[in-house]
Amino acid sequence: IMKAVKGETGIIEPTFIHLDGCPGGDA
């Protein structure tokens, strides 16, 4: 999370999220 905030791109990790309101959540 901290690396992404600092601008690092391409970080993908599984995590438990509230799908409504998140980009891609509907899919």
mmCIF file of all heavy atoms, coordinates in Angstrom:
data_MODEL
# 
_entry.id   MODEL 
# 
loop_
_atom_site.group_PDB 
_atom_site.id 
_atom_site.type_symbol 
_atom_site.label_atom_id 
_atom_site.label_alt_id 
_atom_site.label_comp_id 
_atom_site.label_asym_id 
_atom_site.label_entity_id 
_atom_site.label_seq_id 
_atom_site.pdbx_PDB_ins_code 
_atom_site.Cartn_x 
_atom_site.Cartn_y 
_atom_site.Cartn_z 
_atom_site.occupancy 
_atom_site.B_iso_or_equiv 
_atom_site.pdbx_formal_charge 
_atom_site.auth_seq_id 
_atom_site.auth_comp_id 
_atom_site.auth_asym_id 
_atom_site.auth_atom_id 
_atom_site.pdbx_PDB_model_num 
ATOM 1   N N   . ILE A 1 1  ? 0.849   -1.204  0.000   1.00 0.00 ? 1  ILE A N   1 
ATOM 2   C CA  . ILE A 1 1  ? 0.000   0.000   0.000   1.00 0.00 ? 1  ILE A CA  1 
ATOM 3   C C   . ILE A 1 1  ? 0.885   1.255   0.000   1.00 0.00 ? 1  ILE A C   1 
ATOM 4   O O   . ILE A 1 1  ? 0.659   2.190   -0.785  1.00 0.00 ? 1  ILE A O   1 
ATOM 5   C CB  . ILE A 1 1  ? -0.925  0.020   1.228   1.00 0.00 ? 1  ILE A CB  1 
ATOM 6   C CG1 . ILE A 1 1  ? -1.971  -1.098  1.150   1.00 0.00 ? 1  ILE A CG1 1 
ATOM 7   C CG2 . ILE A 1 1  ? -1.590  1.393   1.386   1.00 0.00 ? 1  ILE A CG2 1 
ATOM 8   C CD1 . ILE A 1 1  ? -3.097  -0.840  0.188   1.00 0.00 ? 1  ILE A CD1 1 
ATOM 9   N N   . MET A 1 2  ? 1.870   1.280   0.875   1.00 0.00 ? 2  MET A N   1 
ATOM 10  C CA  . MET A 1 2  ? 2.729   2.459   0.975   1.00 0.00 ? 2  MET A CA  1 
ATOM 11  C C   . MET A 1 2  ? 3.508   2.699   -0.317  1.00 0.00 ? 2  MET A C   1 
ATOM 12  O O   . MET A 1 2  ? 3.685   3.840   -0.752  1.00 0.00 ? 2  MET A O   1 
ATOM 13  C CB  . MET A 1 2  ? 3.673   2.325   2.173   1.00 0.00 ? 2  MET A CB  1 
ATOM 14  C CG  . MET A 1 2  ? 2.957   2.393   3.518   1.00 0.00 ? 2  MET A CG  1 
ATOM 15  S SD  . MET A 1 2  ? 4.065   2.448   4.949   1.00 0.00 ? 2  MET A SD  1 
ATOM 16  C CE  . MET A 1 2  ? 4.685   0.767   4.989   1.00 0.00 ? 2  MET A CE  1 
ATOM 17  N N   . LYS A 1 3  ? 3.969   1.631   -0.951  1.00 0.00 ? 3  LYS A N   1 
ATOM 18  C CA  . LYS A 1 3  ? 4.681   1.773   -2.222  1.00 0.00 ? 3  LYS A CA  1 
ATOM 19  C C   . LYS A 1 3  ? 3.755   2.325   -3.306  1.00 0.00 ? 3  LYS A C   1 
ATOM 20  O O   . LYS A 1 3  ? 4.164   3.171   -4.122  1.00 0.00 ? 3  LYS A O   1 
ATOM 21  C CB  . LYS A 1 3  ? 5.257   0.421   -2.661  1.00 0.00 ? 3  LYS A CB  1 
ATOM 22  C CG  . LYS A 1 3  ? 6.468   -0.024  -1.854  1.00 0.00 ? 3  LYS A CG  1 
ATOM 23  C CD  . LYS A 1 3  ? 6.980   -1.377  -2.332  1.00 0.00 ? 3  LYS A CD  1 
ATOM 24  C CE  . LYS A 1 3  ? 8.245   -1.791  -1.583  1.00 0.00 ? 3  LYS A CE  1 
ATOM 25  N NZ  . LYS A 1 3  ? 8.741   -3.123  -2.024  1.00 0.00 ? 3  LYS A NZ  1 
ATOM 26  N N   . ALA A 1 4  ? 2.502   1.851   -3.320  1.00 0.00 ? 4  ALA A N   1 
ATOM 27  C CA  . ALA A 1 4  ? 1.535   2.345   -4.301  1.00 0.00 ? 4  ALA A CA  1 
ATOM 28  C C   . ALA A 1 4  ? 1.241   3.824   -4.078  1.00 0.00 ? 4  ALA A C   1 
ATOM 29  O O   . ALA A 1 4  ? 1.124   4.601   -5.033  1.00 0.00 ? 4  ALA A O   1 
ATOM 30  C CB  . ALA A 1 4  ? 0.246   1.526   -4.219  1.00 0.00 ? 4  ALA A CB  1 
ATOM 31  N N   . VAL A 1 5  ? 1.128   4.224   -2.814  1.00 0.00 ? 5  VAL A N   1 
ATOM 32  C CA  . VAL A 1 5  ? 0.896   5.633   -2.484  1.00 0.00 ? 5  VAL A CA  1 
ATOM 33  C C   . VAL A 1 5  ? 2.053   6.491   -2.971  1.00 0.00 ? 5  VAL A C   1 
ATOM 34  O O   . VAL A 1 5  ? 1.864   7.626   -3.447  1.00 0.00 ? 5  VAL A O   1 
ATOM 35  C CB  . VAL A 1 5  ? 0.689   5.804   -0.965  1.00 0.00 ? 5  VAL A CB  1 
ATOM 36  C CG1 . VAL A 1 5  ? 0.706   7.282   -0.569  1.00 0.00 ? 5  VAL A CG1 1 
ATOM 37  C CG2 . VAL A 1 5  ? -0.620  5.165   -0.522  1.00 0.00 ? 5  VAL A CG2 1 
ATOM 38  N N   . LYS A 1 6  ? 3.259   5.945   -2.886  1.00 0.00 ? 6  LYS A N   1 
ATOM 39  C CA  . LYS A 1 6  ? 4.453   6.680   -3.314  1.00 0.00 ? 6  LYS A CA  1 
ATOM 40  C C   . LYS A 1 6  ? 4.631   6.696   -4.834  1.00 0.00 ? 6  LYS A C   1 
ATOM 41  O O   . LYS A 1 6  ? 5.564   7.304   -5.348  1.00 0.00 ? 6  LYS A O   1 
ATOM 42  C CB  . LYS A 1 6  ? 5.696   6.070   -2.665  1.00 0.00 ? 6  LYS A CB  1 
ATOM 43  C CG  . LYS A 1 6  ? 5.752   6.194   -1.148  1.00 0.00 ? 6  LYS A CG  1 
ATOM 44  C CD  . LYS A 1 6  ? 5.942   7.624   -0.698  1.00 0.00 ? 6  LYS A CD  1 
ATOM 45  C CE  . LYS A 1 6  ? 6.122   7.710   0.811   1.00 0.00 ? 6  LYS A CE  1 
ATOM 46  N NZ  . LYS A 1 6  ? 6.270   9.106   1.263   1.00 0.00 ? 6  LYS A NZ  1 
ATOM 47  N N   . GLY A 1 7  ? 3.728   5.994   -5.547  1.00 0.00 ? 7  GLY A N   1 
ATOM 48  C CA  . GLY A 1 7  ? 3.759   6.075   -6.998  1.00 0.00 ? 7  GLY A CA  1 
ATOM 49  C C   . GLY A 1 7  ? 4.223   4.836   -7.738  1.00 0.00 ? 7  GLY A C   1 
ATOM 50  O O   . GLY A 1 7  ? 4.237   4.826   -8.970  1.00 0.00 ? 7  GLY A O   1 
ATOM 51  N N   . GLU A 1 8  ? 4.600   3.783   -7.004  1.00 0.00 ? 8  GLU A N   1 
ATOM 52  C CA  . GLU A 1 8  ? 5.003   2.556   -7.695  1.00 0.00 ? 8  GLU A CA  1 
ATOM 53  C C   . GLU A 1 8  ? 3.781   1.946   -8.382  1.00 0.00 ? 8  GLU A C   1 
ATOM 54  O O   . GLU A 1 8  ? 2.691   1.894   -7.817  1.00 0.00 ? 8  GLU A O   1 
ATOM 55  C CB  . GLU A 1 8  ? 5.608   1.563   -6.701  1.00 0.00 ? 8  GLU A CB  1 
ATOM 56  C CG  . GLU A 1 8  ? 6.202   0.338   -7.379  1.00 0.00 ? 8  GLU A CG  1 
ATOM 57  C CD  . GLU A 1 8  ? 6.979   -0.557  -6.423  1.00 0.00 ? 8  GLU A CD  1 
ATOM 58  O OE1 . GLU A 1 8  ? 7.657   -0.030  -5.514  1.00 0.00 ? 8  GLU A OE1 1 
ATOM 59  O OE2 . GLU A 1 8  ? 6.914   -1.788  -6.597  1.00 0.00 ? 8  GLU A OE2 1 
ATOM 60  N N   . THR A 1 9  ? 3.949   1.487   -9.595  1.00 0.00 ? 9  THR A N   1 
ATOM 61  C CA  . THR A 1 9  ? 2.829   0.959   -10.373 1.00 0.00 ? 9  THR A CA  1 
ATOM 62  C C   . THR A 1 9  ? 2.964   -0.551  -10.583 1.00 0.00 ? 9  THR A C   1 
ATOM 63  O O   . THR A 1 9  ? 4.019   -1.133  -10.346 1.00 0.00 ? 9  THR A O   1 
ATOM 64  C CB  . THR A 1 9  ? 2.740   1.657   -11.740 1.00 0.00 ? 9  THR A CB  1 
ATOM 65  O OG1 . THR A 1 9  ? 3.970   1.447   -12.454 1.00 0.00 ? 9  THR A OG1 1 
ATOM 66  C CG2 . THR A 1 9  ? 2.495   3.143   -11.579 1.00 0.00 ? 9  THR A CG2 1 
ATOM 67  N N   . GLY A 1 10 ? 1.860   -1.164  -11.041 1.00 0.00 ? 10 GLY A N   1 
ATOM 68  C CA  . GLY A 1 10 ? 1.866   -2.587  -11.356 1.00 0.00 ? 10 GLY A CA  1 
ATOM 69  C C   . GLY A 1 10 ? 1.804   -3.501  -10.152 1.00 0.00 ? 10 GLY A C   1 
ATOM 70  O O   . GLY A 1 10 ? 2.105   -4.695  -10.260 1.00 0.00 ? 10 GLY A O   1 
ATOM 71  N N   . ILE A 1 11 ? 1.395   -2.970  -8.985  1.00 0.00 ? 11 ILE A N   1 
ATOM 72  C CA  . ILE A 1 11 ? 1.307   -3.791  -7.773  1.00 0.00 ? 11 ILE A CA  1 
ATOM 73  C C   . ILE A 1 11 ? -0.060  -4.464  -7.726  1.00 0.00 ? 11 ILE A C   1 
ATOM 74  O O   . ILE A 1 11 ? -1.103  -3.799  -7.663  1.00 0.00 ? 11 ILE A O   1 
ATOM 75  C CB  . ILE A 1 11 ? 1.504   -2.938  -6.507  1.00 0.00 ? 11 ILE A CB  1 
ATOM 76  C CG1 . ILE A 1 11 ? 2.890   -2.275  -6.511  1.00 0.00 ? 11 ILE A CG1 1 
ATOM 77  C CG2 . ILE A 1 11 ? 1.313   -3.785  -5.251  1.00 0.00 ? 11 ILE A CG2 1 
ATOM 78  C CD1 . ILE A 1 11 ? 3.100   -1.292  -5.379  1.00 0.00 ? 11 ILE A CD1 1 
ATOM 79  N N   . ILE A 1 12 ? -0.067  -5.787  -7.767  1.00 0.00 ? 12 ILE A N   1 
ATOM 80  C CA  . ILE A 1 12 ? -1.317  -6.560  -7.709  1.00 0.00 ? 12 ILE A CA  1 
ATOM 81  C C   . ILE A 1 12 ? -1.200  -7.597  -6.601  1.00 0.00 ? 12 ILE A C   1 
ATOM 82  O O   . ILE A 1 12 ? -0.240  -8.366  -6.550  1.00 0.00 ? 12 ILE A O   1 
ATOM 83  C CB  . ILE A 1 12 ? -1.615  -7.256  -9.046  1.00 0.00 ? 12 ILE A CB  1 
ATOM 84  C CG1 . ILE A 1 12 ? -1.810  -6.207  -10.157 1.00 0.00 ? 12 ILE A CG1 1 
ATOM 85  C CG2 . ILE A 1 12 ? -2.858  -8.129  -8.926  1.00 0.00 ? 12 ILE A CG2 1 
ATOM 86  C CD1 . ILE A 1 12 ? -2.016  -6.804  -11.532 1.00 0.00 ? 12 ILE A CD1 1 
ATOM 87  N N   . GLU A 1 13 ? -2.184  -7.604  -5.705  1.00 0.00 ? 13 GLU A N   1 
ATOM 88  C CA  . GLU A 1 13 ? -2.182  -8.536  -4.577  1.00 0.00 ? 13 GLU A CA  1 
ATOM 89  C C   . GLU A 1 13 ? -3.620  -8.881  -4.217  1.00 0.00 ? 13 GLU A C   1 
ATOM 90  O O   . GLU A 1 13 ? -4.485  -7.992  -4.184  1.00 0.00 ? 13 GLU A O   1 
ATOM 91  C CB  . GLU A 1 13 ? -1.491  -7.883  -3.369  1.00 0.00 ? 13 GLU A CB  1 
ATOM 92  C CG  . GLU A 1 13 ? -1.362  -8.780  -2.153  1.00 0.00 ? 13 GLU A CG  1 
ATOM 93  C CD  . GLU A 1 13 ? -0.193  -9.749  -2.220  1.00 0.00 ? 13 GLU A CD  1 
ATOM 94  O OE1 . GLU A 1 13 ? 0.522   -9.755  -3.250  1.00 0.00 ? 13 GLU A OE1 1 
ATOM 95  O OE2 . GLU A 1 13 ? 0.018   -10.500 -1.257  1.00 0.00 ? 13 GLU A OE2 1 
ATOM 96  N N   . PRO A 1 14 ? -3.920  -10.156 -3.958  1.00 0.00 ? 14 PRO A N   1 
ATOM 97  C CA  . PRO A 1 14 ? -5.264  -10.481 -3.502  1.00 0.00 ? 14 PRO A CA  1 
ATOM 98  C C   . PRO A 1 14 ? -5.558  -9.856  -2.141  1.00 0.00 ? 14 PRO A C   1 
ATOM 99  O O   . PRO A 1 14 ? -4.700  -9.852  -1.245  1.00 0.00 ? 14 PRO A O   1 
ATOM 100 C CB  . PRO A 1 14 ? -5.236  -12.016 -3.399  1.00 0.00 ? 14 PRO A CB  1 
ATOM 101 C CG  . PRO A 1 14 ? -4.147  -12.448 -4.334  1.00 0.00 ? 14 PRO A CG  1 
ATOM 102 C CD  . PRO A 1 14 ? -3.109  -11.359 -4.211  1.00 0.00 ? 14 PRO A CD  1 
ATOM 103 N N   . THR A 1 15 ? -6.752  -9.317  -1.990  1.00 0.00 ? 15 THR A N   1 
ATOM 104 C CA  . THR A 1 15 ? -7.186  -8.738  -0.720  1.00 0.00 ? 15 THR A CA  1 
ATOM 105 C C   . THR A 1 15 ? -8.706  -8.699  -0.669  1.00 0.00 ? 15 THR A C   1 
ATOM 106 O O   . THR A 1 15 ? -9.375  -8.633  -1.711  1.00 0.00 ? 15 THR A O   1 
ATOM 107 C CB  . THR A 1 15 ? -6.582  -7.323  -0.514  1.00 0.00 ? 15 THR A CB  1 
ATOM 108 O OG1 . THR A 1 15 ? -7.037  -6.783  0.714   1.00 0.00 ? 15 THR A OG1 1 
ATOM 109 C CG2 . THR A 1 15 ? -6.950  -6.388  -1.642  1.00 0.00 ? 15 THR A CG2 1 
ATOM 110 N N   . PHE A 1 16 ? -9.250  -8.726  0.534   1.00 0.00 ? 16 PHE A N   1 
ATOM 111 C CA  . PHE A 1 16 ? -10.699 -8.819  0.773   1.00 0.00 ? 16 PHE A CA  1 
ATOM 112 C C   . PHE A 1 16 ? -11.278 -7.405  0.794   1.00 0.00 ? 16 PHE A C   1 
ATOM 113 O O   . PHE A 1 16 ? -10.965 -6.619  1.691   1.00 0.00 ? 16 PHE A O   1 
ATOM 114 C CB  . PHE A 1 16 ? -10.915 -9.524  2.116   1.00 0.00 ? 16 PHE A CB  1 
ATOM 115 C CG  . PHE A 1 16 ? -12.338 -9.897  2.418   1.00 0.00 ? 16 PHE A CG  1 
ATOM 116 C CD1 . PHE A 1 16 ? -12.989 -10.872 1.694   1.00 0.00 ? 16 PHE A CD1 1 
ATOM 117 C CD2 . PHE A 1 16 ? -13.010 -9.303  3.486   1.00 0.00 ? 16 PHE A CD2 1 
ATOM 118 C CE1 . PHE A 1 16 ? -14.287 -11.252 2.001   1.00 0.00 ? 16 PHE A CE1 1 
ATOM 119 C CE2 . PHE A 1 16 ? -14.309 -9.670  3.808   1.00 0.00 ? 16 PHE A CE2 1 
ATOM 120 C CZ  . PHE A 1 16 ? -14.953 -10.645 3.062   1.00 0.00 ? 16 PHE A CZ  1 
ATOM 121 N N   . ILE A 1 17 ? -12.109 -7.080  -0.205  1.00 0.00 ? 17 ILE A N   1 
ATOM 122 C CA  . ILE A 1 17 ? -12.607 -5.720  -0.337  1.00 0.00 ? 17 ILE A CA  1 
ATOM 123 C C   . ILE A 1 17 ? -14.124 -5.681  -0.486  1.00 0.00 ? 17 ILE A C   1 
ATOM 124 O O   . ILE A 1 17 ? -14.762 -6.682  -0.801  1.00 0.00 ? 17 ILE A O   1 
ATOM 125 C CB  . ILE A 1 17 ? -11.967 -4.998  -1.552  1.00 0.00 ? 17 ILE A CB  1 
ATOM 126 C CG1 . ILE A 1 17 ? -12.273 -5.756  -2.850  1.00 0.00 ? 17 ILE A CG1 1 
ATOM 127 C CG2 . ILE A 1 17 ? -10.469 -4.824  -1.345  1.00 0.00 ? 17 ILE A CG2 1 
ATOM 128 C CD1 . ILE A 1 17 ? -11.877 -5.000  -4.121  1.00 0.00 ? 17 ILE A CD1 1 
ATOM 129 N N   . HIS A 1 18 ? -14.675 -4.491  -0.260  1.00 0.00 ? 18 HIS A N   1 
ATOM 130 C CA  . HIS A 1 18 ? -16.079 -4.202  -0.533  1.00 0.00 ? 18 HIS A CA  1 
ATOM 131 C C   . HIS A 1 18 ? -16.171 -3.869  -2.015  1.00 0.00 ? 18 HIS A C   1 
ATOM 132 O O   . HIS A 1 18 ? -15.657 -2.840  -2.464  1.00 0.00 ? 18 HIS A O   1 
ATOM 133 C CB  . HIS A 1 18 ? -16.524 -3.015  0.336   1.00 0.00 ? 18 HIS A CB  1 
ATOM 134 C CG  . HIS A 1 18 ? -17.980 -2.688  0.225   1.00 0.00 ? 18 HIS A CG  1 
ATOM 135 N ND1 . HIS A 1 18 ? -18.502 -1.964  -0.815  1.00 0.00 ? 18 HIS A ND1 1 
ATOM 136 C CD2 . HIS A 1 18 ? -19.032 -2.978  1.047   1.00 0.00 ? 18 HIS A CD2 1 
ATOM 137 C CE1 . HIS A 1 18 ? -19.807 -1.808  -0.640  1.00 0.00 ? 18 HIS A CE1 1 
ATOM 138 N NE2 . HIS A 1 18 ? -20.143 -2.423  0.481   1.00 0.00 ? 18 HIS A NE2 1 
ATOM 139 N N   . LEU A 1 19 ? -16.810 -4.732  -2.799  1.00 0.00 ? 19 LEU A N   1 
ATOM 140 C CA  . LEU A 1 19 ? -16.753 -4.618  -4.250  1.00 0.00 ? 19 LEU A CA  1 
ATOM 141 C C   . LEU A 1 19 ? -17.497 -3.398  -4.771  1.00 0.00 ? 19 LEU A C   1 
ATOM 142 O O   . LEU A 1 19 ? -17.070 -2.772  -5.746  1.00 0.00 ? 19 LEU A O   1 
ATOM 143 C CB  . LEU A 1 19 ? -17.290 -5.898  -4.894  1.00 0.00 ? 19 LEU A CB  1 
ATOM 144 C CG  . LEU A 1 19 ? -16.458 -7.159  -4.622  1.00 0.00 ? 19 LEU A CG  1 
ATOM 145 C CD1 . LEU A 1 19 ? -17.189 -8.405  -5.105  1.00 0.00 ? 19 LEU A CD1 1 
ATOM 146 C CD2 . LEU A 1 19 ? -15.085 -7.067  -5.271  1.00 0.00 ? 19 LEU A CD2 1 
ATOM 147 N N   . ASP A 1 20 ? -18.613 -3.042  -4.140  1.00 0.00 ? 20 ASP A N   1 
ATOM 148 C CA  . ASP A 1 20 ? -19.358 -1.865  -4.573  1.00 0.00 ? 20 ASP A CA  1 
ATOM 149 C C   . ASP A 1 20 ? -18.525 -0.611  -4.339  1.00 0.00 ? 20 ASP A C   1 
ATOM 150 O O   . ASP A 1 20 ? -18.021 -0.378  -3.242  1.00 0.00 ? 20 ASP A O   1 
ATOM 151 C CB  . ASP A 1 20 ? -20.677 -1.744  -3.804  1.00 0.00 ? 20 ASP A CB  1 
ATOM 152 C CG  . ASP A 1 20 ? -21.663 -2.836  -4.181  1.00 0.00 ? 20 ASP A CG  1 
ATOM 153 O OD1 . ASP A 1 20 ? -21.657 -3.259  -5.349  1.00 0.00 ? 20 ASP A OD1 1 
ATOM 154 O OD2 . ASP A 1 20 ? -22.442 -3.262  -3.303  1.00 0.00 ? 20 ASP A OD2 1 
ATOM 155 N N   . GLY A 1 21 ? -18.388 0.195   -5.367  1.00 0.00 ? 21 GLY A N   1 
ATOM 156 C CA  . GLY A 1 21 ? -17.636 1.433   -5.225  1.00 0.00 ? 21 GLY A CA  1 
ATOM 157 C C   . GLY A 1 21 ? -16.166 1.306   -5.557  1.00 0.00 ? 21 GLY A C   1 
ATOM 158 O O   . GLY A 1 21 ? -15.455 2.305   -5.567  1.00 0.00 ? 21 GLY A O   1 
ATOM 159 N N   . CYS A 1 22 ? -15.713 0.089   -5.833  1.00 0.00 ? 22 CYS A N   1 
ATOM 160 C CA  . CYS A 1 22 ? -14.320 -0.112  -6.240  1.00 0.00 ? 22 CYS A CA  1 
ATOM 161 C C   . CYS A 1 22 ? -14.260 -0.317  -7.752  1.00 0.00 ? 22 CYS A C   1 
ATOM 162 O O   . CYS A 1 22 ? -15.065 -1.088  -8.299  1.00 0.00 ? 22 CYS A O   1 
ATOM 163 C CB  . CYS A 1 22 ? -13.713 -1.333  -5.542  1.00 0.00 ? 22 CYS A CB  1 
ATOM 164 S SG  . CYS A 1 22 ? -13.294 -1.053  -3.812  1.00 0.00 ? 22 CYS A SG  1 
ATOM 165 N N   . PRO A 1 23 ? -13.344 0.336   -8.443  1.00 0.00 ? 23 PRO A N   1 
ATOM 166 C CA  . PRO A 1 23 ? -13.195 0.091   -9.877  1.00 0.00 ? 23 PRO A CA  1 
ATOM 167 C C   . PRO A 1 23 ? -12.987 -1.391  -10.158 1.00 0.00 ? 23 PRO A C   1 
ATOM 168 O O   . PRO A 1 23 ? -12.159 -2.038  -9.516  1.00 0.00 ? 23 PRO A O   1 
ATOM 169 C CB  . PRO A 1 23 ? -11.944 0.900   -10.244 1.00 0.00 ? 23 PRO A CB  1 
ATOM 170 C CG  . PRO A 1 23 ? -11.852 1.962   -9.189  1.00 0.00 ? 23 PRO A CG  1 
ATOM 171 C CD  . PRO A 1 23 ? -12.365 1.327   -7.936  1.00 0.00 ? 23 PRO A CD  1 
ATOM 172 N N   . GLY A 1 24 ? -13.778 -1.923  -11.073 1.00 0.00 ? 24 GLY A N   1 
ATOM 173 C CA  . GLY A 1 24 ? -13.690 -3.342  -11.402 1.00 0.00 ? 24 GLY A CA  1 
ATOM 174 C C   . GLY A 1 24 ? -14.532 -4.226  -10.515 1.00 0.00 ? 24 GLY A C   1 
ATOM 175 O O   . GLY A 1 24 ? -14.684 -5.428  -10.792 1.00 0.00 ? 24 GLY A O   1 
ATOM 176 N N   . GLY A 1 25 ? -15.105 -3.671  -9.468  1.00 0.00 ? 25 GLY A N   1 
ATOM 177 C CA  . GLY A 1 25 ? -15.875 -4.474  -8.525  1.00 0.00 ? 25 GLY A CA  1 
ATOM 178 C C   . GLY A 1 25 ? -17.098 -5.129  -9.133  1.00 0.00 ? 25 GLY A C   1 
ATOM 179 O O   . GLY A 1 25 ? -17.446 -6.262  -8.789  1.00 0.00 ? 25 GLY A O   1 
ATOM 180 N N   . ASP A 1 26 ? -17.752 -4.437  -10.059 1.00 0.00 ? 26 ASP A N   1 
ATOM 181 C CA  . ASP A 1 26 ? -18.964 -4.997  -10.679 1.00 0.00 ? 26 ASP A CA  1 
ATOM 182 C C   . ASP A 1 26 ? -18.655 -6.274  -11.453 1.00 0.00 ? 26 ASP A C   1 
ATOM 183 O O   . ASP A 1 26 ? -19.444 -7.228  -11.437 1.00 0.00 ? 26 ASP A O   1 
ATOM 184 C CB  . ASP A 1 26 ? -19.598 -3.967  -11.613 1.00 0.00 ? 26 ASP A CB  1 
ATOM 185 C CG  . ASP A 1 26 ? -20.274 -2.829  -10.873 1.00 0.00 ? 26 ASP A CG  1 
ATOM 186 O OD1 . ASP A 1 26 ? -20.493 -2.974  -9.657  1.00 0.00 ? 26 ASP A OD1 1 
ATOM 187 O OD2 . ASP A 1 26 ? -20.572 -1.797  -11.512 1.00 0.00 ? 26 ASP A OD2 1 
ATOM 188 N N   . ALA A 1 27 ? -17.505 -6.299  -12.128 1.00 0.00 ? 27 ALA A N   1 
ATOM 189 C CA  . ALA A 1 27 ? -17.131 -7.488  -12.898 1.00 0.00 ? 27 ALA A CA  1 
ATOM 190 C C   . ALA A 1 27 ? -16.873 -8.673  -11.979 1.00 0.00 ? 27 ALA A C   1 
ATOM 191 O O   . ALA A 1 27 ? -17.233 -9.819  -12.300 1.00 0.00 ? 27 ALA A O   1 
ATOM 192 C CB  . ALA A 1 27 ? -15.896 -7.195  -13.744 1.00 0.00 ? 27 ALA A CB  1 
# 
